[in-house]
């Protein structure tokens, strides 16, 4: 069977396409985030929640790595995966920050 044939069988099993991912299912995002901002929510709270989520991932990676180094568990692969997830989340957060700063600078340079 060709690789394309296996894709076709997957698509025929769910003709409507893949189910959309709810924000609560995205790893690393706080559970209180939603796709549409709730009334009364603020930008500061959103950013604070994302920073806390990244910090939580880094703390989790540190805890798992400490367990491996102390010999409490032999799950080295989980430690490496947790460290990579934390690194990726931090890189994403830095890129978002860079885009926000760039947008702010463009806004401030506009003539009114």
PDB file of N, CA and C in Angstrom:
ATOM      1  N   UNK A   1       0.853  -1.169   0.000  1.00  0.00           N
ATOM      2  CA  UNK A   1       0.000   0.000   0.000  1.00  0.00           C
ATOM      3  C   UNK A   1       0.901   1.234   0.000  1.00  0.00           C
ATOM      4  N   UNK A   2       0.534   2.205  -0.824  1.00  0.00           N
ATOM      5  CA  UNK A   2       1.335   3.427  -0.899  1.00  0.00           C
ATOM      6  C   UNK A   2       1.027   4.323   0.299  1.00  0.00           C
ATOM      7  N   UNK A   3       1.954   5.220   0.648  1.00  0.00           N
ATOM      8  CA  UNK A   3       1.697   6.143   1.756  1.00  0.00           C
ATOM      9  C   UNK A   3       0.463   7.011   1.522  1.00  0.00           C
ATOM     10  N   UNK A   4       0.205   7.341   0.260  1.00  0.00           N
ATOM     11  CA  UNK A   4      -0.973   8.155  -0.027  1.00  0.00           C
ATOM     12  C   UNK A   4      -2.257   7.385   0.228  1.00  0.00           C
ATOM     13  N   UNK A   5      -2.226   6.083   0.011  1.00  0.00           N
ATOM     14  CA  UNK A   5      -3.395   5.261   0.275  1.00  0.00           C
ATOM     15  C   UNK A   5      -3.748   5.244   1.748  1.00  0.00           C
ATOM     16  N   UNK A   6      -2.729   5.242   2.601  1.00  0.00           N
ATOM     17  CA  UNK A   6      -3.014   5.234   4.029  1.00  0.00           C
ATOM     18  C   UNK A   6      -3.576   6.571   4.489  1.00  0.00           C
ATOM     19  N   UNK A   7      -3.166   7.660   3.850  1.00  0.00           N
ATOM     20  CA  UNK A   7      -3.723   8.971   4.193  1.00  0.00           C
ATOM     21  C   UNK A   7      -5.189   9.030   3.783  1.00  0.00           C
ATOM     22  N   UNK A   8      -5.478   8.483   2.614  1.00  0.00           N
ATOM     23  CA  UNK A   8      -6.864   8.470   2.162  1.00  0.00           C
ATOM     24  C   UNK A   8      -7.775   7.711   3.100  1.00  0.00           C
ATOM     25  N   UNK A   9      -7.273   6.605   3.637  1.00  0.00           N
ATOM     26  CA  UNK A   9      -8.109   5.837   4.558  1.00  0.00           C
ATOM     27  C   UNK A   9      -8.325   6.604   5.863  1.00  0.00           C
ATOM     28  N   UNK A  10      -7.329   7.374   6.277  1.00  0.00           N
ATOM     29  CA  UNK A  10      -7.501   8.185   7.482  1.00  0.00           C
ATOM     30  C   UNK A  10      -8.529   9.291   7.262  1.00  0.00           C
ATOM     31  N   UNK A  11      -8.483   9.900   6.072  1.00  0.00           N
ATOM     32  CA  UNK A  11      -9.429  10.976   5.783  1.00  0.00           C
ATOM     33  C   UNK A  11     -10.847  10.450   5.631  1.00  0.00           C
ATOM     34  N   UNK A  12     -10.978   9.255   5.074  1.00  0.00           N
ATOM     35  CA  UNK A  12     -12.323   8.713   4.904  1.00  0.00           C
ATOM     36  C   UNK A  12     -12.931   8.317   6.247  1.00  0.00           C
ATOM     37  N   UNK A  13     -12.094   8.033   7.237  1.00  0.00           N
ATOM     38  CA  UNK A  13     -12.618   7.693   8.563  1.00  0.00           C
ATOM     39  C   UNK A  13     -13.222   8.922   9.234  1.00  0.00           C
ATOM     40  N   UNK A  14     -12.713  10.111   8.946  1.00  0.00           N
ATOM     41  CA  UNK A  14     -13.234  11.356   9.515  1.00  0.00           C
ATOM     42  C   UNK A  14     -13.354  12.375   8.384  1.00  0.00           C
ATOM     43  N   UNK A  15     -14.452  12.326   7.595  1.00  0.00           N
ATOM     44  CA  UNK A  15     -14.568  13.177   6.417  1.00  0.00           C
ATOM     45  C   UNK A  15     -14.641  14.661   6.738  1.00  0.00           C
ATOM     46  N   UNK A  16     -15.020  15.022   7.954  1.00  0.00           N
ATOM     47  CA  UNK A  16     -15.126  16.447   8.289  1.00  0.00           C
ATOM     48  C   UNK A  16     -13.777  17.053   8.604  1.00  0.00           C
ATOM     49  N   UNK A  17     -12.716  16.253   8.608  1.00  0.00           N
ATOM     50  CA  UNK A  17     -11.384  16.766   8.899  1.00  0.00           C
ATOM     51  C   UNK A  17     -11.068  16.616  10.372  1.00  0.00           C
ATOM     52  N   UNK A  18      -9.886  17.027  10.733  1.00  0.00           N
ATOM     53  CA  UNK A  18      -9.491  16.879  12.133  1.00  0.00           C
ATOM     54  C   UNK A  18     -10.297  17.812  13.026  1.00  0.00           C
ATOM     55  N   UNK A  19     -10.492  17.371  14.243  1.00  0.00           N
ATOM     56  CA  UNK A  19     -11.237  18.187  15.192  1.00  0.00           C
ATOM     57  C   UNK A  19     -10.380  19.370  15.611  1.00  0.00           C
ATOM     58  N   UNK A  20     -10.972  20.558  15.771  1.00  0.00           N
ATOM     59  CA  UNK A  20     -10.179  21.709  16.197  1.00  0.00           C
ATOM     60  C   UNK A  20      -9.651  21.494  17.615  1.00  0.00           C
ATOM     61  N   UNK A  21      -8.485  22.039  17.873  1.00  0.00           N
ATOM     62  CA  UNK A  21      -7.871  21.902  19.187  1.00  0.00           C
ATOM     63  C   UNK A  21      -8.396  23.007  20.081  1.00  0.00           C
ATOM     64  N   UNK A  22      -8.956  22.629  21.191  1.00  0.00           N
ATOM     65  CA  UNK A  22      -9.430  23.613  22.161  1.00  0.00           C
ATOM     66  C   UNK A  22      -8.227  24.169  22.897  1.00  0.00           C
ATOM     67  N   UNK A  23      -8.267  25.431  23.342  1.00  0.00           N
ATOM     68  CA  UNK A  23      -7.125  26.015  24.034  1.00  0.00           C
ATOM     69  C   UNK A  23      -6.703  25.230  25.268  1.00  0.00           C
ATOM     70  N   UNK A  24      -7.623  24.559  25.939  1.00  0.00           N
ATOM     71  CA  UNK A  24      -7.269  23.794  27.134  1.00  0.00           C
ATOM     72  C   UNK A  24      -6.453  22.561  26.771  1.00  0.00           C
ATOM     73  N   UNK A  25      -6.483  22.131  25.486  1.00  0.00           N
ATOM     74  CA  UNK A  25      -5.753  20.951  25.069  1.00  0.00           C
ATOM     75  C   UNK A  25      -4.335  21.272  24.631  1.00  0.00           C
ATOM     76  N   UNK A  26      -4.005  22.548  24.464  1.00  0.00           N
ATOM     77  CA  UNK A  26      -2.670  22.932  24.034  1.00  0.00           C
ATOM     78  C   UNK A  26      -1.734  22.855  25.224  1.00  0.00           C
ATOM     79  N   UNK A  27      -0.657  22.052  25.141  1.00  0.00           N
ATOM     80  CA  UNK A  27       0.226  21.911  26.293  1.00  0.00           C
ATOM     81  C   UNK A  27       0.896  23.228  26.645  1.00  0.00           C
ATOM     82  N   UNK A  28       0.948  23.502  27.929  1.00  0.00           N
ATOM     83  CA  UNK A  28       1.639  24.681  28.409  1.00  0.00           C
ATOM     84  C   UNK A  28       0.766  25.904  28.588  1.00  0.00           C
ATOM     85  N   UNK A  29      -0.439  25.888  28.014  1.00  0.00           N
ATOM     86  CA  UNK A  29      -1.320  27.031  28.185  1.00  0.00           C
ATOM     87  C   UNK A  29      -2.157  26.852  29.440  1.00  0.00           C
ATOM     88  N   UNK A  30      -2.374  27.924  30.184  1.00  0.00           N
ATOM     89  CA  UNK A  30      -3.230  27.815  31.364  1.00  0.00           C
ATOM     90  C   UNK A  30      -4.645  27.416  30.971  1.00  0.00           C
ATOM     91  N   UNK A  31      -5.341  26.738  31.864  1.00  0.00           N
ATOM     92  CA  UNK A  31      -6.687  26.247  31.566  1.00  0.00           C
ATOM     93  C   UNK A  31      -7.701  27.373  31.423  1.00  0.00           C
ATOM     94  N   UNK A  32      -7.422  28.549  31.990  1.00  0.00           N
ATOM     95  CA  UNK A  32      -8.407  29.627  31.970  1.00  0.00           C
ATOM     96  C   UNK A  32      -8.366  30.435  30.685  1.00  0.00           C
ATOM     97  N   UNK A  33      -7.494  30.110  29.727  1.00  0.00           N
ATOM     98  CA  UNK A  33      -7.454  30.834  28.466  1.00  0.00           C
ATOM     99  C   UNK A  33      -8.530  30.298  27.536  1.00  0.00           C
ATOM    100  N   UNK A  34      -9.115  31.173  26.768  1.00  0.00           N
ATOM    101  CA  UNK A  34     -10.105  30.746  25.790  1.00  0.00           C
ATOM    102  C   UNK A  34      -9.779  31.398  24.459  1.00  0.00           C
ATOM    103  N   UNK A  35     -10.387  30.910  23.397  1.00  0.00           N
ATOM    104  CA  UNK A  35     -10.096  31.440  22.069  1.00  0.00           C
ATOM    105  C   UNK A  35     -10.559  32.890  21.954  1.00  0.00           C
ATOM    106  N   UNK A  36     -11.688  33.208  22.523  1.00  0.00           N
ATOM    107  CA  UNK A  36     -12.183  34.583  22.504  1.00  0.00           C
ATOM    108  C   UNK A  36     -11.998  35.184  23.885  1.00  0.00           C
ATOM    109  N   UNK A  37     -11.464  36.411  23.943  1.00  0.00           N
ATOM    110  CA  UNK A  37     -11.255  37.007  25.250  1.00  0.00           C
ATOM    111  C   UNK A  37     -12.578  37.261  25.964  1.00  0.00           C
ATOM    112  N   UNK A  38     -12.609  36.922  27.218  1.00  0.00           N
ATOM    113  CA  UNK A  38     -13.817  37.146  28.013  1.00  0.00           C
ATOM    114  C   UNK A  38     -13.956  38.620  28.321  1.00  0.00           C
ATOM    115  N   UNK A  39     -15.168  39.051  28.544  1.00  0.00           N
ATOM    116  CA  UNK A  39     -15.360  40.451  28.871  1.00  0.00           C
ATOM    117  C   UNK A  39     -14.701  40.732  30.210  1.00  0.00           C
ATOM    118  N   UNK A  40     -13.987  41.854  30.274  1.00  0.00           N
ATOM    119  CA  UNK A  40     -13.307  42.221  31.503  1.00  0.00           C
ATOM    120  C   UNK A  40     -11.911  41.646  31.611  1.00  0.00           C
ATOM    121  N   UNK A  41     -11.484  40.819  30.651  1.00  0.00           N
ATOM    122  CA  UNK A  41     -10.127  40.285  30.714  1.00  0.00           C
ATOM    123  C   UNK A  41      -9.157  41.347  30.210  1.00  0.00           C
ATOM    124  N   UNK A  42      -7.936  41.267  30.677  1.00  0.00           N
ATOM    125  CA  UNK A  42      -6.971  42.272  30.258  1.00  0.00           C
ATOM    126  C   UNK A  42      -5.744  41.604  29.665  1.00  0.00           C
ATOM    127  N   UNK A  43      -5.011  42.374  28.916  1.00  0.00           N
ATOM    128  CA  UNK A  43      -3.832  41.886  28.226  1.00  0.00           C
ATOM    129  C   UNK A  43      -2.744  41.490  29.221  1.00  0.00           C
ATOM    130  N   UNK A  44      -2.627  42.254  30.280  1.00  0.00           N
ATOM    131  CA  UNK A  44      -1.633  41.958  31.313  1.00  0.00           C
ATOM    132  C   UNK A  44      -1.882  40.586  31.925  1.00  0.00           C
ATOM    133  N   UNK A  45      -3.115  40.276  32.222  1.00  0.00           N
ATOM    134  CA  UNK A  45      -3.448  38.978  32.799  1.00  0.00           C
ATOM    135  C   UNK A  45      -3.138  37.836  31.852  1.00  0.00           C
ATOM    136  N   UNK A  46      -3.380  38.050  30.566  1.00  0.00           N
ATOM    137  CA  UNK A  46      -3.082  37.032  29.566  1.00  0.00           C
ATOM    138  C   UNK A  46      -1.584  36.758  29.505  1.00  0.00           C
ATOM    139  N   UNK A  47      -0.800  37.815  29.424  1.00  0.00           N
ATOM    140  CA  UNK A  47       0.655  37.640  29.365  1.00  0.00           C
ATOM    141  C   UNK A  47       1.195  37.036  30.652  1.00  0.00           C
ATOM    142  N   UNK A  48       0.653  37.458  31.784  1.00  0.00           N
ATOM    143  CA  UNK A  48       1.102  36.904  33.060  1.00  0.00           C
ATOM    144  C   UNK A  48       0.819  35.401  33.131  1.00  0.00           C
ATOM    145  N   UNK A  49      -0.330  34.985  32.645  1.00  0.00           N
ATOM    146  CA  UNK A  49      -0.671  33.567  32.629  1.00  0.00           C
ATOM    147  C   UNK A  49       0.269  32.767  31.741  1.00  0.00           C
ATOM    148  N   UNK A  50       0.637  33.331  30.591  1.00  0.00           N
ATOM    149  CA  UNK A  50       1.554  32.634  29.692  1.00  0.00           C
ATOM    150  C   UNK A  50       2.952  32.531  30.296  1.00  0.00           C
ATOM    151  N   UNK A  51       3.409  33.603  30.955  1.00  0.00           N
ATOM    152  CA  UNK A  51       4.725  33.568  31.604  1.00  0.00           C
ATOM    153  C   UNK A  51       4.729  32.539  32.726  1.00  0.00           C
ATOM    154  N   UNK A  52       3.648  32.472  33.487  1.00  0.00           N
ATOM    155  CA  UNK A  52       3.567  31.480  34.559  1.00  0.00           C
ATOM    156  C   UNK A  52       3.539  30.060  34.003  1.00  0.00           C
ATOM    157  N   UNK A  53       2.902  29.867  32.845  1.00  0.00           N
ATOM    158  CA  UNK A  53       2.878  28.540  32.226  1.00  0.00           C
ATOM    159  C   UNK A  53       4.282  28.118  31.797  1.00  0.00           C
ATOM    160  N   UNK A  54       5.040  29.048  31.220  1.00  0.00           N
ATOM    161  CA  UNK A  54       6.414  28.745  30.806  1.00  0.00           C
ATOM    162  C   UNK A  54       7.270  28.467  32.032  1.00  0.00           C
ATOM    163  N   UNK A  55       7.090  29.256  33.079  1.00  0.00           N
ATOM    164  CA  UNK A  55       7.836  29.040  34.318  1.00  0.00           C
ATOM    165  C   UNK A  55       7.489  27.674  34.922  1.00  0.00           C
ATOM    166  N   UNK A  56       6.233  27.301  34.862  1.00  0.00           N
ATOM    167  CA  UNK A  56       5.818  25.993  35.365  1.00  0.00           C
ATOM    168  C   UNK A  56       6.461  24.851  34.590  1.00  0.00           C
ATOM    169  N   UNK A  57       6.562  25.012  33.265  1.00  0.00           N
ATOM    170  CA  UNK A  57       7.211  23.976  32.456  1.00  0.00           C
ATOM    171  C   UNK A  57       8.684  23.857  32.809  1.00  0.00           C
ATOM    172  N   UNK A  58       9.326  24.992  33.051  1.00  0.00           N
ATOM    173  CA  UNK A  58      10.744  24.937  33.413  1.00  0.00           C
ATOM    174  C   UNK A  58      10.932  24.317  34.790  1.00  0.00           C
ATOM    175  N   UNK A  59      10.047  24.616  35.716  1.00  0.00           N
ATOM    176  CA  UNK A  59      10.134  24.016  37.048  1.00  0.00           C
ATOM    177  C   UNK A  59       9.916  22.502  36.980  1.00  0.00           C
ATOM    178  N   UNK A  60       8.966  22.082  36.138  1.00  0.00           N
ATOM    179  CA  UNK A  60       8.701  20.651  35.957  1.00  0.00           C
ATOM    180  C   UNK A  60       9.923  19.945  35.368  1.00  0.00           C
ATOM    181  N   UNK A  61      10.548  20.576  34.365  1.00  0.00           N
ATOM    182  CA  UNK A  61      11.745  19.997  33.753  1.00  0.00           C
ATOM    183  C   UNK A  61      12.878  19.902  34.770  1.00  0.00           C
ATOM    184  N   UNK A  62      13.031  20.931  35.601  1.00  0.00           N
ATOM    185  CA  UNK A  62      14.071  20.903  36.635  1.00  0.00           C
ATOM    186  C   UNK A  62      13.824  19.779  37.644  1.00  0.00           C
ATOM    187  N   UNK A  63      12.554  19.603  38.031  1.00  0.00           N
ATOM    188  CA  UNK A  63      12.224  18.561  39.002  1.00  0.00           C
ATOM    189  C   UNK A  63      12.497  17.166  38.436  1.00  0.00           C
ATOM    190  N   UNK A  64      12.111  16.941  37.192  1.00  0.00           N
ATOM    191  CA  UNK A  64      12.342  15.635  36.570  1.00  0.00           C
ATOM    192  C   UNK A  64      13.838  15.380  36.404  1.00  0.00           C
ATOM    193  N   UNK A  65      14.569  16.413  36.001  1.00  0.00           N
ATOM    194  CA  UNK A  65      16.020  16.271  35.840  1.00  0.00           C
ATOM    195  C   UNK A  65      16.687  15.983  37.182  1.00  0.00           C
ATOM    196  N   UNK A  66      16.244  16.630  38.240  1.00  0.00           N
ATOM    197  CA  UNK A  66      16.800  16.373  39.578  1.00  0.00           C
ATOM    198  C   UNK A  66      16.552  14.936  40.002  1.00  0.00           C
ATOM    199  N   UNK A  67      15.365  14.417  39.711  1.00  0.00           N
ATOM    200  CA  UNK A  67      15.062  13.025  40.052  1.00  0.00           C
ATOM    201  C   UNK A  67      15.981  12.063  39.311  1.00  0.00           C
ATOM    202  N   UNK A  68      16.248  12.358  38.035  1.00  0.00           N
ATOM    203  CA  UNK A  68      17.131  11.495  37.255  1.00  0.00           C
ATOM    204  C   UNK A  68      18.555  11.571  37.801  1.00  0.00           C
ATOM    205  N   UNK A  69      19.013  12.782  38.130  1.00  0.00           N
ATOM    206  CA  UNK A  69      20.383  12.939  38.618  1.00  0.00           C
ATOM    207  C   UNK A  69      20.579  12.302  39.990  1.00  0.00           C
ATOM    208  N   UNK A  70      19.526  12.309  40.811  1.00  0.00           N
ATOM    209  CA  UNK A  70      19.628  11.688  42.128  1.00  0.00           C
ATOM    210  C   UNK A  70      19.437  10.176  42.077  1.00  0.00           C
ATOM    211  N   UNK A  71      19.033   9.658  40.958  1.00  0.00           N
ATOM    212  CA  UNK A  71      18.851   8.217  40.810  1.00  0.00           C
ATOM    213  C   UNK A  71      17.497   7.732  41.275  1.00  0.00           C
ATOM    214  N   UNK A  72      16.564   8.657  41.527  1.00  0.00           N
ATOM    215  CA  UNK A  72      15.222   8.260  41.958  1.00  0.00           C
ATOM    216  C   UNK A  72      14.437   7.595  40.844  1.00  0.00           C
ATOM    217  N   UNK A  73      14.752   7.940  39.612  1.00  0.00           N
ATOM    218  CA  UNK A  73      14.052   7.356  38.475  1.00  0.00           C
ATOM    219  C   UNK A  73      15.048   7.149  37.339  1.00  0.00           C
ATOM    220  N   UNK A  74      14.782   6.199  36.514  1.00  0.00           N
ATOM    221  CA  UNK A  74      15.657   5.927  35.381  1.00  0.00           C
ATOM    222  C   UNK A  74      15.086   6.445  34.078  1.00  0.00           C
ATOM    223  N   UNK A  75      14.174   7.373  34.154  1.00  0.00           N
ATOM    224  CA  UNK A  75      13.468   7.881  32.977  1.00  0.00           C
ATOM    225  C   UNK A  75      14.207   9.072  32.371  1.00  0.00           C
ATOM    226  N   UNK A  76      15.392   8.830  31.853  1.00  0.00           N
ATOM    227  CA  UNK A  76      16.197   9.892  31.258  1.00  0.00           C
ATOM    228  C   UNK A  76      15.492  10.537  30.075  1.00  0.00           C
ATOM    229  N   UNK A  77      14.788   9.733  29.290  1.00  0.00           N
ATOM    230  CA  UNK A  77      14.102  10.274  28.117  1.00  0.00           C
ATOM    231  C   UNK A  77      13.027  11.288  28.517  1.00  0.00           C
ATOM    232  N   UNK A  78      12.336  11.061  29.645  1.00  0.00           N
ATOM    233  CA  UNK A  78      11.334  12.029  30.092  1.00  0.00           C
ATOM    234  C   UNK A  78      11.986  13.345  30.482  1.00  0.00           C
ATOM    235  N   UNK A  79      13.164  13.268  31.072  1.00  0.00           N
ATOM    236  CA  UNK A  79      13.896  14.466  31.443  1.00  0.00           C
ATOM    237  C   UNK A  79      14.286  15.275  30.211  1.00  0.00           C
ATOM    238  N   UNK A  80      14.786  14.592  29.200  1.00  0.00           N
ATOM    239  CA  UNK A  80      15.197  15.278  27.975  1.00  0.00           C
ATOM    240  C   UNK A  80      13.991  15.889  27.272  1.00  0.00           C
ATOM    241  N   UNK A  81      12.895  15.159  27.228  1.00  0.00           N
ATOM    242  CA  UNK A  81      11.673  15.677  26.592  1.00  0.00           C
ATOM    243  C   UNK A  81      11.163  16.893  27.345  1.00  0.00           C
ATOM    244  N   UNK A  82      11.143  16.842  28.670  1.00  0.00           N
ATOM    245  CA  UNK A  82      10.671  17.977  29.466  1.00  0.00           C
ATOM    246  C   UNK A  82      11.570  19.194  29.279  1.00  0.00           C
ATOM    247  N   UNK A  83      12.882  18.976  29.194  1.00  0.00           N
ATOM    248  CA  UNK A  83      13.793  20.096  28.972  1.00  0.00           C
ATOM    249  C   UNK A  83      13.580  20.717  27.592  1.00  0.00           C
ATOM    250  N   UNK A  84      13.333  19.897  26.576  1.00  0.00           N
ATOM    251  CA  UNK A  84      13.101  20.412  25.233  1.00  0.00           C
ATOM    252  C   UNK A  84      11.777  21.181  25.153  1.00  0.00           C
ATOM    253  N   UNK A  85      10.747  20.666  25.829  1.00  0.00           N
ATOM    254  CA  UNK A  85       9.462  21.373  25.857  1.00  0.00           C
ATOM    255  C   UNK A  85       9.616  22.735  26.528  1.00  0.00           C
ATOM    256  N   UNK A  86      10.339  22.781  27.634  1.00  0.00           N
ATOM    257  CA  UNK A  86      10.554  24.044  28.342  1.00  0.00           C
ATOM    258  C   UNK A  86      11.369  25.006  27.484  1.00  0.00           C
ATOM    259  N   UNK A  87      12.371  24.488  26.791  1.00  0.00           N
ATOM    260  CA  UNK A  87      13.190  25.329  25.921  1.00  0.00           C
ATOM    261  C   UNK A  87      12.371  25.893  24.762  1.00  0.00           C
ATOM    262  N   UNK A  88      11.529  25.067  24.174  1.00  0.00           N
ATOM    263  CA  UNK A  88      10.683  25.515  23.070  1.00  0.00           C
ATOM    264  C   UNK A  88       9.671  26.553  23.545  1.00  0.00           C
ATOM    265  N   UNK A  89       9.088  26.339  24.712  1.00  0.00           N
ATOM    266  CA  UNK A  89       8.128  27.300  25.256  1.00  0.00           C
ATOM    267  C   UNK A  89       8.803  28.641  25.542  1.00  0.00           C
ATOM    268  N   UNK A  90      10.019  28.603  26.078  1.00  0.00           N
ATOM    269  CA  UNK A  90      10.746  29.842  26.344  1.00  0.00           C
ATOM    270  C   UNK A  90      11.100  30.556  25.048  1.00  0.00           C
ATOM    271  N   UNK A  91      11.521  29.818  24.037  1.00  0.00           N
ATOM    272  CA  UNK A  91      11.833  30.426  22.741  1.00  0.00           C
ATOM    273  C   UNK A  91      10.599  31.081  22.128  1.00  0.00           C
ATOM    274  N   UNK A  92       9.464  30.413  22.237  1.00  0.00           N
ATOM    275  CA  UNK A  92       8.222  30.977  21.725  1.00  0.00           C
ATOM    276  C   UNK A  92       7.862  32.253  22.471  1.00  0.00           C
ATOM    277  N   UNK A  93       8.016  32.234  23.788  1.00  0.00           N
ATOM    278  CA  UNK A  93       7.698  33.418  24.579  1.00  0.00           C
ATOM    279  C   UNK A  93       8.611  34.585  24.210  1.00  0.00           C
ATOM    280  N   UNK A  94       9.887  34.321  23.975  1.00  0.00           N
ATOM    281  CA  UNK A  94      10.825  35.382  23.587  1.00  0.00           C
ATOM    282  C   UNK A  94      10.448  35.950  22.221  1.00  0.00           C
ATOM    283  N   UNK A  95      10.048  35.086  21.285  1.00  0.00           N
ATOM    284  CA  UNK A  95       9.643  35.569  19.967  1.00  0.00           C
ATOM    285  C   UNK A  95       8.374  36.419  20.035  1.00  0.00           C
ATOM    286  N   UNK A  96       7.434  36.014  20.886  1.00  0.00           N
ATOM    287  CA  UNK A  96       6.209  36.812  21.068  1.00  0.00           C
ATOM    288  C   UNK A  96       6.563  38.164  21.653  1.00  0.00           C
ATOM    289  N   UNK A  97       7.466  38.172  22.644  1.00  0.00           N
ATOM    290  CA  UNK A  97       7.899  39.430  23.242  1.00  0.00           C
ATOM    291  C   UNK A  97       8.553  40.325  22.193  1.00  0.00           C
ATOM    292  N   UNK A  98       9.417  39.750  21.344  1.00  0.00           N
ATOM    293  CA  UNK A  98      10.075  40.535  20.304  1.00  0.00           C
ATOM    294  C   UNK A  98       9.058  41.149  19.348  1.00  0.00           C
ATOM    295  N   UNK A  99       8.045  40.381  18.975  1.00  0.00           N
ATOM    296  CA  UNK A  99       7.011  40.911  18.077  1.00  0.00           C
ATOM    297  C   UNK A  99       6.210  42.021  18.748  1.00  0.00           C
ATOM    298  N   UNK A 100       5.932  41.871  20.039  1.00  0.00           N
ATOM    299  CA  UNK A 100       5.204  42.913  20.756  1.00  0.00           C
ATOM    300  C   UNK A 100       6.020  44.200  20.841  1.00  0.00           C
ATOM    301  N   UNK A 101       7.296  44.077  21.119  1.00  0.00           N
ATOM    302  CA  UNK A 101       8.163  45.257  21.193  1.00  0.00           C
ATOM    303  C   UNK A 101       8.265  45.921  19.825  1.00  0.00           C
ATOM    304  N   UNK A 102       8.414  45.120  18.788  1.00  0.00           N
ATOM    305  CA  UNK A 102       8.481  45.662  17.433  1.00  0.00           C
ATOM    306  C   UNK A 102       7.186  46.393  17.067  1.00  0.00           C
ATOM    307  N   UNK A 103       6.049  45.806  17.420  1.00  0.00           N
ATOM    308  CA  UNK A 103       4.754  46.449  17.147  1.00  0.00           C
ATOM    309  C   UNK A 103       4.621  47.753  17.911  1.00  0.00           C
ATOM    310  N   UNK A 104       5.038  47.757  19.159  1.00  0.00           N
ATOM    311  CA  UNK A 104       4.979  48.970  19.969  1.00  0.00           C
ATOM    312  C   UNK A 104       5.860  50.061  19.359  1.00  0.00           C
ATOM    313  N   UNK A 105       7.060  49.705  18.905  1.00  0.00           N
ATOM    314  CA  UNK A 105       7.951  50.687  18.308  1.00  0.00           C
ATOM    315  C   UNK A 105       7.375  51.243  17.015  1.00  0.00           C
ATOM    316  N   UNK A 106       6.746  50.414  16.218  1.00  0.00           N
ATOM    317  CA  UNK A 106       6.107  50.901  14.996  1.00  0.00           C
ATOM    318  C   UNK A 106       4.940  51.820  15.314  1.00  0.00           C
ATOM    319  N   UNK A 107       4.191  51.490  16.334  1.00  0.00           N
ATOM    320  CA  UNK A 107       3.065  52.319  16.735  1.00  0.00           C
ATOM    321  C   UNK A 107       3.533  53.678  17.228  1.00  0.00           C
ATOM    322  N   UNK A 108       4.624  53.694  17.983  1.00  0.00           N
ATOM    323  CA  UNK A 108       5.131  54.941  18.523  1.00  0.00           C
ATOM    324  C   UNK A 108       5.784  55.804  17.442  1.00  0.00           C
ATOM    325  N   UNK A 109       6.257  55.202  16.361  1.00  0.00           N
ATOM    326  CA  UNK A 109       6.892  55.980  15.307  1.00  0.00           C
ATOM    327  C   UNK A 109       5.877  56.550  14.308  1.00  0.00           C
ATOM    328  N   UNK A 110       4.612  56.184  14.434  1.00  0.00           N
ATOM    329  CA  UNK A 110       3.579  56.691  13.528  1.00  0.00           C
ATOM    330  C   UNK A 110       3.307  58.157  13.827  1.00  0.00           C
ATOM    331  N   UNK A 111       3.096  58.899  12.755  1.00  0.00           N
ATOM    332  CA  UNK A 111       2.747  60.310  12.913  1.00  0.00           C
ATOM    333  C   UNK A 111       1.236  60.430  12.981  1.00  0.00           C
ATOM    334  N   UNK A 112       0.797  61.225  13.906  1.00  0.00           N
ATOM    335  CA  UNK A 112      -0.654  61.382  14.087  1.00  0.00           C
ATOM    336  C   UNK A 112      -1.131  62.638  13.418  1.00  0.00           C
TER     337      UNK A 112
END
